[in-house]
Amino acid sequence: MRRREPRPAAGAIAALADRLAPATTLAEVQRVWPEVVGDLVAAQAGPTSERDGVLTVTCSSAVWAQELDLMGPDLVGRLNAAVGAPAVRALRCSCAPARGWP
C-alpha cells in the first residue's frame, strides 16, 4: 500500500544529522550539553575541546567558569550518563575574551 500523504521532514533531517555528526567525544558532549546543564548554563558556557577525557568548557565570564569548576564532579557524572560511556573524566573551565562571547 502506497502512502499518499507527505511525511514530516523533521525525522529524516534528524537521522541525517546523526549520521553526519563526527564520532568524537566532543561531538557527543556538545550534542547532549544543553539537556545536561540546562538552558541557563548552556547560554553562558559550552564545550569547546576535549583531550584525553578532559573537557574544556569556555564560559562567558570568570564567574561562570568558577561556578562550573565547582559543579565539575556532578557535571562529569551527568555527561557520562548522557553519552552512555565514561568519556569525560574532568572539566577545565576558562572564560572567553571579552569580544568572543555573544
N, C-alpha and C. Protein backbone atom coordinates (compact mmCIF):
# COMPACT_ATOMS: atom_id res chain seq x y z
N MET A 1 0.84 -1.18 0.00
CA MET A 1 0.00 0.00 0.00
C MET A 1 0.89 1.24 0.00
N ARG A 2 0.64 2.13 -0.90
CA ARG A 2 1.43 3.35 -1.02
C ARG A 2 0.86 4.44 -0.14
N ARG A 3 1.76 5.17 0.40
CA ARG A 3 1.38 6.30 1.24
C ARG A 3 1.19 7.53 0.35
N ARG A 4 0.05 8.20 0.48
CA ARG A 4 -0.24 9.33 -0.39
C ARG A 4 0.06 10.68 0.27
N GLU A 5 0.16 10.70 1.58
CA GLU A 5 0.40 11.96 2.27
C GLU A 5 1.90 12.19 2.45
N PRO A 6 2.31 13.44 2.40
CA PRO A 6 3.73 13.73 2.65
C PRO A 6 4.11 13.43 4.10
N ARG A 7 5.32 13.00 4.30
CA ARG A 7 5.81 12.73 5.66
C ARG A 7 6.54 13.96 6.17
N PRO A 8 6.52 14.18 7.48
CA PRO A 8 7.27 15.32 8.03
C PRO A 8 8.77 15.14 7.78
N ALA A 9 9.43 16.22 7.43
CA ALA A 9 10.86 16.18 7.12
C ALA A 9 11.72 16.12 8.38
N ALA A 10 11.18 16.47 9.52
CA ALA A 10 11.98 16.55 10.75
C ALA A 10 12.67 15.23 11.08
N GLY A 11 11.99 14.13 10.94
CA GLY A 11 12.58 12.82 11.25
C GLY A 11 13.75 12.50 10.33
N ALA A 12 13.58 12.76 9.04
CA ALA A 12 14.65 12.50 8.08
C ALA A 12 15.85 13.41 8.32
N ILE A 13 15.58 14.66 8.64
CA ILE A 13 16.67 15.61 8.90
C ILE A 13 17.44 15.21 10.15
N ALA A 14 16.75 14.82 11.20
CA ALA A 14 17.41 14.40 12.43
C ALA A 14 18.27 13.15 12.19
N ALA A 15 17.75 12.21 11.43
CA ALA A 15 18.52 10.99 11.14
C ALA A 15 19.76 11.32 10.31
N LEU A 16 19.62 12.22 9.35
CA LEU A 16 20.76 12.63 8.54
C LEU A 16 21.81 13.35 9.38
N ALA A 17 21.37 14.23 10.27
CA ALA A 17 22.30 14.96 11.14
C ALA A 17 23.06 13.98 12.04
N ASP A 18 22.38 12.97 12.56
CA ASP A 18 23.05 11.97 13.39
C ASP A 18 24.11 11.20 12.60
N ARG A 19 23.82 10.88 11.35
CA ARG A 19 24.79 10.15 10.53
C ARG A 19 25.97 11.01 10.13
N LEU A 20 25.77 12.31 9.97
CA LEU A 20 26.84 13.21 9.53
C LEU A 20 27.70 13.74 10.68
N ALA A 21 27.20 13.67 11.91
CA ALA A 21 27.96 14.18 13.05
C ALA A 21 29.23 13.37 13.25
N PRO A 22 30.35 14.05 13.55
CA PRO A 22 31.59 13.31 13.78
C PRO A 22 31.46 12.40 15.01
N ALA A 23 32.10 11.26 14.96
CA ALA A 23 32.04 10.29 16.06
C ALA A 23 33.18 10.57 17.04
N THR A 24 33.12 11.71 17.71
CA THR A 24 34.13 12.07 18.70
C THR A 24 33.46 12.32 20.04
N THR A 25 34.27 12.27 21.08
CA THR A 25 33.74 12.58 22.41
C THR A 25 33.20 13.99 22.46
N LEU A 26 33.93 14.94 21.87
CA LEU A 26 33.48 16.32 21.89
C LEU A 26 32.13 16.48 21.20
N ALA A 27 31.95 15.85 20.05
CA ALA A 27 30.68 15.93 19.34
C ALA A 27 29.54 15.36 20.17
N GLU A 28 29.78 14.23 20.82
CA GLU A 28 28.75 13.63 21.67
C GLU A 28 28.39 14.55 22.84
N VAL A 29 29.41 15.11 23.47
CA VAL A 29 29.15 16.00 24.61
C VAL A 29 28.44 17.27 24.14
N GLN A 30 28.84 17.84 23.02
CA GLN A 30 28.16 19.02 22.51
C GLN A 30 26.70 18.74 22.20
N ARG A 31 26.42 17.54 21.74
CA ARG A 31 25.04 17.17 21.42
C ARG A 31 24.15 17.13 22.66
N VAL A 32 24.68 16.61 23.78
CA VAL A 32 23.87 16.46 24.98
C VAL A 32 24.02 17.63 25.97
N TRP A 33 24.97 18.53 25.74
CA TRP A 33 25.27 19.61 26.67
C TRP A 33 24.03 20.40 27.13
N PRO A 34 23.20 20.93 26.23
CA PRO A 34 22.06 21.73 26.70
C PRO A 34 21.10 20.97 27.61
N GLU A 35 20.84 19.71 27.31
CA GLU A 35 19.91 18.95 28.15
C GLU A 35 20.54 18.58 29.50
N VAL A 36 21.85 18.42 29.54
CA VAL A 36 22.53 18.05 30.79
C VAL A 36 22.66 19.24 31.72
N VAL A 37 23.06 20.40 31.17
CA VAL A 37 23.33 21.56 32.04
C VAL A 37 22.15 22.51 32.15
N GLY A 38 21.20 22.43 31.24
CA GLY A 38 20.06 23.33 31.26
C GLY A 38 20.30 24.55 30.38
N ASP A 39 19.23 25.22 30.02
CA ASP A 39 19.30 26.35 29.10
C ASP A 39 20.09 27.52 29.65
N LEU A 40 19.96 27.80 30.93
CA LEU A 40 20.66 28.94 31.53
C LEU A 40 22.17 28.78 31.42
N VAL A 41 22.68 27.63 31.84
CA VAL A 41 24.13 27.38 31.78
C VAL A 41 24.58 27.26 30.33
N ALA A 42 23.81 26.60 29.48
CA ALA A 42 24.19 26.43 28.08
C ALA A 42 24.31 27.77 27.36
N ALA A 43 23.55 28.77 27.80
CA ALA A 43 23.65 30.10 27.19
C ALA A 43 24.93 30.82 27.61
N GLN A 44 25.55 30.38 28.70
CA GLN A 44 26.73 31.06 29.23
C GLN A 44 28.02 30.26 29.06
N ALA A 45 27.92 28.98 28.72
CA ALA A 45 29.11 28.13 28.64
C ALA A 45 28.87 27.00 27.66
N GLY A 46 29.96 26.58 27.01
CA GLY A 46 29.84 25.48 26.07
C GLY A 46 31.14 24.72 25.93
N PRO A 47 31.06 23.42 25.67
CA PRO A 47 32.26 22.61 25.47
C PRO A 47 32.94 22.99 24.16
N THR A 48 34.24 23.26 24.23
CA THR A 48 34.96 23.71 23.04
C THR A 48 36.07 22.77 22.60
N SER A 49 36.56 21.92 23.50
CA SER A 49 37.56 20.94 23.09
C SER A 49 37.60 19.81 24.12
N GLU A 50 38.27 18.72 23.71
CA GLU A 50 38.41 17.56 24.60
C GLU A 50 39.72 16.89 24.25
N ARG A 51 40.45 16.52 25.28
CA ARG A 51 41.71 15.77 25.09
C ARG A 51 41.90 14.82 26.25
N ASP A 52 42.03 13.55 25.95
CA ASP A 52 42.26 12.51 26.95
C ASP A 52 41.25 12.55 28.08
N GLY A 53 40.00 12.82 27.75
CA GLY A 53 38.94 12.82 28.75
C GLY A 53 38.78 14.13 29.51
N VAL A 54 39.63 15.10 29.24
CA VAL A 54 39.50 16.42 29.89
C VAL A 54 38.74 17.33 28.94
N LEU A 55 37.56 17.75 29.35
CA LEU A 55 36.68 18.58 28.54
C LEU A 55 36.93 20.05 28.87
N THR A 56 37.28 20.83 27.86
CA THR A 56 37.44 22.27 28.06
C THR A 56 36.10 22.94 27.78
N VAL A 57 35.66 23.72 28.76
CA VAL A 57 34.41 24.45 28.66
C VAL A 57 34.74 25.94 28.66
N THR A 58 34.30 26.64 27.62
CA THR A 58 34.54 28.08 27.53
C THR A 58 33.29 28.80 28.04
N CYS A 59 33.52 29.70 29.00
CA CYS A 59 32.43 30.40 29.67
C CYS A 59 32.44 31.88 29.31
N SER A 60 31.31 32.53 29.48
CA SER A 60 31.17 33.94 29.14
C SER A 60 31.88 34.86 30.13
N SER A 61 32.17 34.37 31.34
CA SER A 61 32.84 35.19 32.34
C SER A 61 33.59 34.30 33.33
N ALA A 62 34.46 34.92 34.09
CA ALA A 62 35.22 34.18 35.11
C ALA A 62 34.29 33.64 36.19
N VAL A 63 33.22 34.36 36.47
CA VAL A 63 32.26 33.89 37.48
C VAL A 63 31.62 32.58 37.03
N TRP A 64 31.23 32.50 35.76
CA TRP A 64 30.66 31.26 35.25
C TRP A 64 31.69 30.14 35.23
N ALA A 65 32.93 30.46 34.90
CA ALA A 65 33.98 29.44 34.89
C ALA A 65 34.17 28.88 36.30
N GLN A 66 34.17 29.74 37.30
CA GLN A 66 34.33 29.28 38.68
C GLN A 66 33.13 28.45 39.12
N GLU A 67 31.94 28.87 38.74
CA GLU A 67 30.73 28.12 39.10
C GLU A 67 30.77 26.71 38.49
N LEU A 68 31.16 26.61 37.23
CA LEU A 68 31.22 25.29 36.59
C LEU A 68 32.35 24.45 37.16
N ASP A 69 33.44 25.09 37.58
CA ASP A 69 34.50 24.34 38.27
C ASP A 69 33.94 23.67 39.53
N LEU A 70 33.13 24.42 40.26
CA LEU A 70 32.54 23.86 41.49
C LEU A 70 31.54 22.75 41.18
N MET A 71 30.85 22.87 40.07
CA MET A 71 29.87 21.86 39.67
C MET A 71 30.52 20.70 38.92
N GLY A 72 31.82 20.78 38.66
CA GLY A 72 32.54 19.82 37.82
C GLY A 72 32.26 18.36 38.06
N PRO A 73 32.46 17.86 39.29
CA PRO A 73 32.24 16.42 39.50
C PRO A 73 30.81 15.97 39.18
N ASP A 74 29.84 16.78 39.52
CA ASP A 74 28.45 16.44 39.23
C ASP A 74 28.21 16.46 37.72
N LEU A 75 28.74 17.47 37.02
CA LEU A 75 28.55 17.56 35.58
C LEU A 75 29.23 16.42 34.85
N VAL A 76 30.40 16.02 35.29
CA VAL A 76 31.10 14.89 34.67
C VAL A 76 30.23 13.64 34.74
N GLY A 77 29.67 13.37 35.91
CA GLY A 77 28.79 12.20 36.06
C GLY A 77 27.57 12.28 35.18
N ARG A 78 26.95 13.44 35.12
CA ARG A 78 25.75 13.60 34.29
C ARG A 78 26.07 13.52 32.80
N LEU A 79 27.20 14.08 32.39
CA LEU A 79 27.60 13.99 30.98
C LEU A 79 27.88 12.55 30.58
N ASN A 80 28.61 11.83 31.42
CA ASN A 80 28.91 10.43 31.12
C ASN A 80 27.64 9.60 31.05
N ALA A 81 26.69 9.87 31.93
CA ALA A 81 25.41 9.15 31.88
C ALA A 81 24.67 9.47 30.58
N ALA A 82 24.72 10.72 30.14
CA ALA A 82 24.01 11.11 28.93
C ALA A 82 24.62 10.52 27.67
N VAL A 83 25.95 10.40 27.62
CA VAL A 83 26.58 9.81 26.43
C VAL A 83 26.68 8.29 26.53
N GLY A 84 26.42 7.75 27.71
CA GLY A 84 26.41 6.30 27.88
C GLY A 84 27.77 5.65 27.98
N ALA A 85 28.79 6.43 28.35
CA ALA A 85 30.15 5.89 28.49
C ALA A 85 30.95 6.82 29.40
N PRO A 86 31.98 6.28 30.05
CA PRO A 86 32.83 7.14 30.89
C PRO A 86 33.83 7.93 30.04
N ALA A 87 33.33 8.81 29.18
CA ALA A 87 34.16 9.53 28.22
C ALA A 87 34.85 10.75 28.82
N VAL A 88 34.20 11.40 29.78
CA VAL A 88 34.74 12.62 30.37
C VAL A 88 35.23 12.30 31.78
N ARG A 89 36.46 12.69 32.08
CA ARG A 89 36.98 12.45 33.43
C ARG A 89 37.16 13.72 34.23
N ALA A 90 37.21 14.88 33.55
CA ALA A 90 37.38 16.16 34.26
C ALA A 90 36.96 17.31 33.36
N LEU A 91 36.62 18.43 34.00
CA LEU A 91 36.32 19.66 33.27
C LEU A 91 37.46 20.65 33.49
N ARG A 92 37.73 21.41 32.47
CA ARG A 92 38.68 22.53 32.55
C ARG A 92 37.91 23.74 32.06
N CYS A 93 37.63 24.68 32.94
CA CYS A 93 36.80 25.82 32.59
C CYS A 93 37.65 27.08 32.44
N SER A 94 37.35 27.84 31.39
CA SER A 94 38.04 29.09 31.14
C SER A 94 37.02 30.10 30.63
N CYS A 95 37.40 31.36 30.65
CA CYS A 95 36.48 32.36 30.15
C CYS A 95 36.96 32.87 28.80
N ALA A 96 36.01 33.25 27.98
CA ALA A 96 36.30 33.74 26.64
C ALA A 96 36.80 35.18 26.71
N PRO A 97 37.55 35.60 25.73
CA PRO A 97 37.92 37.01 25.65
C PRO A 97 36.65 37.87 25.59
N ALA A 98 36.73 39.09 26.03
CA ALA A 98 35.56 39.96 26.12
C ALA A 98 34.79 40.05 24.80
N ARG A 99 35.46 40.09 23.67
CA ARG A 99 34.77 40.18 22.39
C ARG A 99 34.34 38.82 21.86
N GLY A 100 34.77 37.74 22.51
CA GLY A 100 34.50 36.40 21.98
C GLY A 100 33.18 35.80 22.36
N TRP A 101 32.39 36.46 23.17
CA TRP A 101 31.11 35.87 23.60
C TRP A 101 29.98 36.76 23.14
N PRO A 102 28.94 36.17 22.56
CA PRO A 102 27.81 36.99 22.08
C PRO A 102 27.02 37.62 23.21
